[in-house]
Amino acid sequence: MKARSKFLIGSGIIVVTLLALAYVGFTQSKTYYHTITELSTLQGSALHQRMRVSGNVQAGSIDHLTGRVDFILIEQGKTLPVSYVGHDPLPDTFKDGAQALVEGKMMPDNRFVAEQVQAKCASKYEATPDGAPVSAPARNPGQTSTGTNARPSGY
């Protein structure tokens, strides 16, 4: 067999392998965004595919259990029980009333099993009456919230 033929066959195998890996990676990484209200309309395989769902964390619903965190998302009066089983720690902004985006799969018992949770505190991003976003007051390095210098003099 000529060297040119071997090169073409080897190149073809590499290209086919790369295309197959790209296709598998694409199909496994795609997620669909749904609202809690839309979940009741999903049927068949659409209900069991990987998806993202957002809502507000219901007050008093966060329950830290061994190996998971259970909570309830609420949107327009509809609720969704969620079990977070991911390995990453929950965000600092994850608390009662926070807006949360969960990524995972629906289970047959209508519980959502999340592998990722993103959260933001709604009050942190509200606009002031004049339309400017609310932000923490600027401080100089070493200045405390009362405005006094935290370092001893002489530094």
C-alpha atoms as a PDB file:
ATOM      1  CA  MET A   1       0.000   0.000   0.000  1.00  0.00           C
ATOM      2  CA  LYS A   2       1.332   3.397  -0.917  1.00  0.00           C
ATOM      3  CA  ALA A   3       2.181   6.001   1.709  1.00  0.00           C
ATOM      4  CA  ARG A   4      -0.398   8.385   0.224  1.00  0.00           C
ATOM      5  CA  SER A   5      -3.217   5.839   0.666  1.00  0.00           C
ATOM      6  CA  LYS A   6      -2.219   5.172   4.282  1.00  0.00           C
ATOM      7  CA  PHE A   7      -2.171   8.908   4.968  1.00  0.00           C
ATOM      8  CA  LEU A   8      -5.651   9.390   3.461  1.00  0.00           C
ATOM      9  CA  ILE A   9      -7.133   6.461   5.404  1.00  0.00           C
ATOM     10  CA  GLY A  10      -5.563   7.672   8.668  1.00  0.00           C
ATOM     11  CA  SER A  11      -6.780  11.239   8.053  1.00  0.00           C
ATOM     12  CA  GLY A  12     -10.278   9.959   7.273  1.00  0.00           C
ATOM     13  CA  ILE A  13     -10.401   7.986  10.524  1.00  0.00           C
ATOM     14  CA  ILE A  14      -9.297  11.048  12.513  1.00  0.00           C
ATOM     15  CA  VAL A  15     -11.875  13.311  10.842  1.00  0.00           C
ATOM     16  CA  VAL A  16     -14.713  10.812  11.401  1.00  0.00           C
ATOM     17  CA  THR A  17     -13.691  10.386  15.057  1.00  0.00           C
ATOM     18  CA  LEU A  18     -13.597  14.142  15.636  1.00  0.00           C
ATOM     19  CA  LEU A  19     -17.019  14.594  14.020  1.00  0.00           C
ATOM     20  CA  ALA A  20     -18.488  11.804  16.151  1.00  0.00           C
ATOM     21  CA  LEU A  21     -17.049  13.322  19.332  1.00  0.00           C
ATOM     22  CA  ALA A  22     -18.383  16.766  18.400  1.00  0.00           C
ATOM     23  CA  TYR A  23     -21.870  15.356  17.767  1.00  0.00           C
ATOM     24  CA  VAL A  24     -21.953  13.426  21.056  1.00  0.00           C
ATOM     25  CA  GLY A  25     -20.696  16.462  22.987  1.00  0.00           C
ATOM     26  CA  PHE A  26     -23.321  18.695  21.384  1.00  0.00           C
ATOM     27  CA  THR A  27     -26.237  16.366  22.091  1.00  0.00           C
ATOM     28  CA  GLN A  28     -25.182  15.829  25.715  1.00  0.00           C
ATOM     29  CA  SER A  29     -24.599  19.493  26.487  1.00  0.00           C
ATOM     30  CA  LYS A  30     -27.753  21.021  25.048  1.00  0.00           C
ATOM     31  CA  THR A  31     -30.351  22.049  27.578  1.00  0.00           C
ATOM     32  CA  TYR A  32     -33.771  23.541  27.060  1.00  0.00           C
ATOM     33  CA  TYR A  33     -35.156  26.396  29.138  1.00  0.00           C
ATOM     34  CA  HIS A  34     -38.701  25.960  30.467  1.00  0.00           C
ATOM     35  CA  THR A  35     -40.832  27.864  32.932  1.00  0.00           C
ATOM     36  CA  ILE A  36     -42.516  26.068  35.819  1.00  0.00           C
ATOM     37  CA  THR A  37     -45.861  26.660  34.097  1.00  0.00           C
ATOM     38  CA  GLU A  38     -44.630  24.970  30.892  1.00  0.00           C
ATOM     39  CA  LEU A  39     -43.524  21.811  32.703  1.00  0.00           C
ATOM     40  CA  SER A  40     -47.106  20.582  33.063  1.00  0.00           C
ATOM     41  CA  THR A  41     -47.524  20.674  29.260  1.00  0.00           C
ATOM     42  CA  LEU A  42     -44.422  18.591  28.456  1.00  0.00           C
ATOM     43  CA  GLN A  43     -44.957  14.976  27.435  1.00  0.00           C
ATOM     44  CA  GLY A  44     -42.902  11.967  26.446  1.00  0.00           C
ATOM     45  CA  SER A  45     -39.184  12.325  25.876  1.00  0.00           C
ATOM     46  CA  ALA A  46     -39.331  16.139  26.227  1.00  0.00           C
ATOM     47  CA  LEU A  47     -40.170  15.677  29.900  1.00  0.00           C
ATOM     48  CA  HIS A  48     -37.084  13.528  30.557  1.00  0.00           C
ATOM     49  CA  GLN A  49     -34.426  15.557  28.742  1.00  0.00           C
ATOM     50  CA  ARG A  50     -31.944  17.867  30.435  1.00  0.00           C
ATOM     51  CA  MET A  51     -33.461  21.321  31.034  1.00  0.00           C
ATOM     52  CA  ARG A  52     -33.201  24.606  32.902  1.00  0.00           C
ATOM     53  CA  VAL A  53     -36.023  25.993  35.023  1.00  0.00           C
ATOM     54  CA  SER A  54     -36.166  29.267  36.918  1.00  0.00           C
ATOM     55  CA  GLY A  55     -38.281  30.673  39.706  1.00  0.00           C
ATOM     56  CA  ASN A  56     -38.109  32.207  43.164  1.00  0.00           C
ATOM     57  CA  VAL A  57     -37.094  30.142  46.185  1.00  0.00           C
ATOM     58  CA  GLN A  58     -40.167  29.769  48.401  1.00  0.00           C
ATOM     59  CA  ALA A  59     -39.655  31.176  51.907  1.00  0.00           C
ATOM     60  CA  GLY A  60     -38.945  28.474  54.492  1.00  0.00           C
ATOM     61  CA  SER A  61     -38.587  25.679  51.934  1.00  0.00           C
ATOM     62  CA  ILE A  62     -34.796  25.192  52.015  1.00  0.00           C
ATOM     63  CA  ASP A  63     -33.968  21.894  53.742  1.00  0.00           C
ATOM     64  CA  HIS A  64     -30.318  20.724  53.996  1.00  0.00           C
ATOM     65  CA  LEU A  65     -30.244  16.919  53.999  1.00  0.00           C
ATOM     66  CA  THR A  66     -27.414  14.421  53.739  1.00  0.00           C
ATOM     67  CA  GLY A  67     -26.180  14.436  50.146  1.00  0.00           C
ATOM     68  CA  ARG A  68     -28.728  16.946  48.850  1.00  0.00           C
ATOM     69  CA  VAL A  69     -30.579  20.185  49.455  1.00  0.00           C
ATOM     70  CA  ASP A  70     -34.346  20.254  48.950  1.00  0.00           C
ATOM     71  CA  PHE A  71     -36.250  23.454  48.218  1.00  0.00           C
ATOM     72  CA  ILE A  72     -39.278  24.687  46.315  1.00  0.00           C
ATOM     73  CA  LEU A  73     -39.284  27.067  43.363  1.00  0.00           C
ATOM     74  CA  ILE A  74     -42.389  29.165  42.818  1.00  0.00           C
ATOM     75  CA  GLU A  75     -43.503  31.085  39.721  1.00  0.00           C
ATOM     76  CA  GLN A  76     -46.921  32.611  39.057  1.00  0.00           C
ATOM     77  CA  GLY A  77     -48.515  30.496  41.783  1.00  0.00           C
ATOM     78  CA  LYS A  78     -47.067  27.206  40.450  1.00  0.00           C
ATOM     79  CA  THR A  79     -44.531  25.314  42.546  1.00  0.00           C
ATOM     80  CA  LEU A  80     -41.739  22.884  41.692  1.00  0.00           C
ATOM     81  CA  PRO A  81     -40.022  20.730  44.332  1.00  0.00           C
ATOM     82  CA  VAL A  82     -36.271  20.616  43.640  1.00  0.00           C
ATOM     83  CA  SER A  83     -33.499  18.396  45.014  1.00  0.00           C
ATOM     84  CA  TYR A  84     -29.999  19.743  44.443  1.00  0.00           C
ATOM     85  CA  VAL A  85     -27.505  16.871  44.274  1.00  0.00           C
ATOM     86  CA  GLY A  86     -24.542  18.681  42.695  1.00  0.00           C
ATOM     87  CA  HIS A  87     -21.031  18.692  44.097  1.00  0.00           C
ATOM     88  CA  ASP A  88     -20.473  22.461  44.037  1.00  0.00           C
ATOM     89  CA  PRO A  89     -21.486  24.515  47.072  1.00  0.00           C
ATOM     90  CA  LEU A  90     -24.648  26.571  46.714  1.00  0.00           C
ATOM     91  CA  PRO A  91     -24.129  30.253  45.861  1.00  0.00           C
ATOM     92  CA  ASP A  92     -24.017  32.774  48.722  1.00  0.00           C
ATOM     93  CA  THR A  93     -27.066  34.499  47.243  1.00  0.00           C
ATOM     94  CA  PHE A  94     -29.154  31.313  47.464  1.00  0.00           C
ATOM     95  CA  LYS A  95     -31.711  32.050  50.186  1.00  0.00           C
ATOM     96  CA  ASP A  96     -35.449  32.530  50.695  1.00  0.00           C
ATOM     97  CA  GLY A  97     -36.956  34.724  47.976  1.00  0.00           C
ATOM     98  CA  ALA A  98     -33.888  34.613  45.707  1.00  0.00           C
ATOM     99  CA  GLN A  99     -34.292  34.094  41.995  1.00  0.00           C
ATOM    100  CA  ALA A 100     -32.802  30.719  41.087  1.00  0.00           C
ATOM    101  CA  LEU A 101     -32.005  28.901  37.857  1.00  0.00           C
ATOM    102  CA  VAL A 102     -31.673  25.136  38.204  1.00  0.00           C
ATOM    103  CA  GLU A 103     -30.314  22.706  35.624  1.00  0.00           C
ATOM    104  CA  GLY A 104     -31.075  18.996  35.645  1.00  0.00           C
ATOM    105  CA  LYS A 105     -33.906  16.547  34.896  1.00  0.00           C
ATOM    106  CA  MET A 106     -37.511  15.930  35.909  1.00  0.00           C
ATOM    107  CA  MET A 107     -38.200  12.691  37.743  1.00  0.00           C
ATOM    108  CA  PRO A 108     -41.373  10.595  37.374  1.00  0.00           C
ATOM    109  CA  ASP A 109     -42.564  11.772  40.825  1.00  0.00           C
ATOM    110  CA  ASN A 110     -42.638  15.410  39.517  1.00  0.00           C
ATOM    111  CA  ARG A 111     -39.532  16.342  41.521  1.00  0.00           C
ATOM    112  CA  PHE A 112     -36.756  18.177  39.690  1.00  0.00           C
ATOM    113  CA  VAL A 113     -33.246  16.844  40.375  1.00  0.00           C
ATOM    114  CA  ALA A 114     -30.771  19.662  39.845  1.00  0.00           C
ATOM    115  CA  GLU A 115     -27.069  19.232  39.233  1.00  0.00           C
ATOM    116  CA  GLN A 116     -26.404  22.993  39.026  1.00  0.00           C
ATOM    117  CA  VAL A 117     -27.969  25.961  40.822  1.00  0.00           C
ATOM    118  CA  GLN A 118     -27.456  29.634  40.027  1.00  0.00           C
ATOM    119  CA  ALA A 119     -29.026  32.291  42.230  1.00  0.00           C
ATOM    120  CA  LYS A 120     -29.210  36.021  42.632  1.00  0.00           C
ATOM    121  CA  CYS A 121     -30.726  38.105  45.376  1.00  0.00           C
ATOM    122  CA  ALA A 122     -33.515  40.140  43.796  1.00  0.00           C
ATOM    123  CA  SER A 123     -33.181  43.040  46.236  1.00  0.00           C
ATOM    124  CA  LYS A 124     -29.492  43.370  45.411  1.00  0.00           C
ATOM    125  CA  TYR A 125     -30.266  44.258  41.788  1.00  0.00           C
ATOM    126  CA  GLU A 126     -33.339  46.442  42.209  1.00  0.00           C
ATOM    127  CA  ALA A 127     -33.226  49.929  40.743  1.00  0.00           C
ATOM    128  CA  THR A 128     -33.633  53.037  42.888  1.00  0.00           C
ATOM    129  CA  PRO A 129     -36.598  55.346  42.215  1.00  0.00           C
ATOM    130  CA  ASP A 130     -34.414  57.533  39.958  1.00  0.00           C
ATOM    131  CA  GLY A 131     -33.530  54.463  37.843  1.00  0.00           C
ATOM    132  CA  ALA A 132     -29.928  54.029  38.978  1.00  0.00           C
ATOM    133  CA  PRO A 133     -29.023  50.581  40.321  1.00  0.00           C
ATOM    134  CA  VAL A 134     -28.505  50.250  44.048  1.00  0.00           C
ATOM    135  CA  SER A 135     -24.902  49.545  44.976  1.00  0.00           C
ATOM    136  CA  ALA A 136     -22.863  49.447  48.138  1.00  0.00           C
ATOM    137  CA  PRO A 137     -21.206  52.731  49.089  1.00  0.00           C
ATOM    138  CA  ALA A 138     -17.620  53.062  47.918  1.00  0.00           C
ATOM    139  CA  ARG A 139     -15.006  52.661  50.629  1.00  0.00           C
ATOM    140  CA  ASN A 140     -11.324  53.295  50.747  1.00  0.00           C
ATOM    141  CA  PRO A 141      -9.072  50.287  51.455  1.00  0.00           C
ATOM    142  CA  GLY A 142      -8.882  49.740  55.193  1.00  0.00           C
ATOM    143  CA  GLN A 143     -12.059  51.716  55.875  1.00  0.00           C
ATOM    144  CA  THR A 144     -14.824  50.036  57.841  1.00  0.00           C
ATOM    145  CA  SER A 145     -18.551  50.501  57.333  1.00  0.00           C
ATOM    146  CA  THR A 146     -18.567  53.203  60.017  1.00  0.00           C
ATOM    147  CA  GLY A 147     -15.973  55.180  58.111  1.00  0.00           C
ATOM    148  CA  THR A 148     -13.142  54.813  60.616  1.00  0.00           C
ATOM    149  CA  ASN A 149      -9.771  53.525  59.615  1.00  0.00           C
ATOM    150  CA  ALA A 150      -9.320  49.868  60.576  1.00  0.00           C
ATOM    151  CA  ARG A 151      -5.513  50.104  60.650  1.00  0.00           C
ATOM    152  CA  PRO A 152      -3.582  51.456  63.615  1.00  0.00           C
ATOM    153  CA  SER A 153      -1.844  54.728  62.958  1.00  0.00           C
ATOM    154  CA  GLY A 154       1.727  54.569  61.755  1.00  0.00           C
ATOM    155  CA  TYR A 155       1.087  52.213  58.827  1.00  0.00           C
END
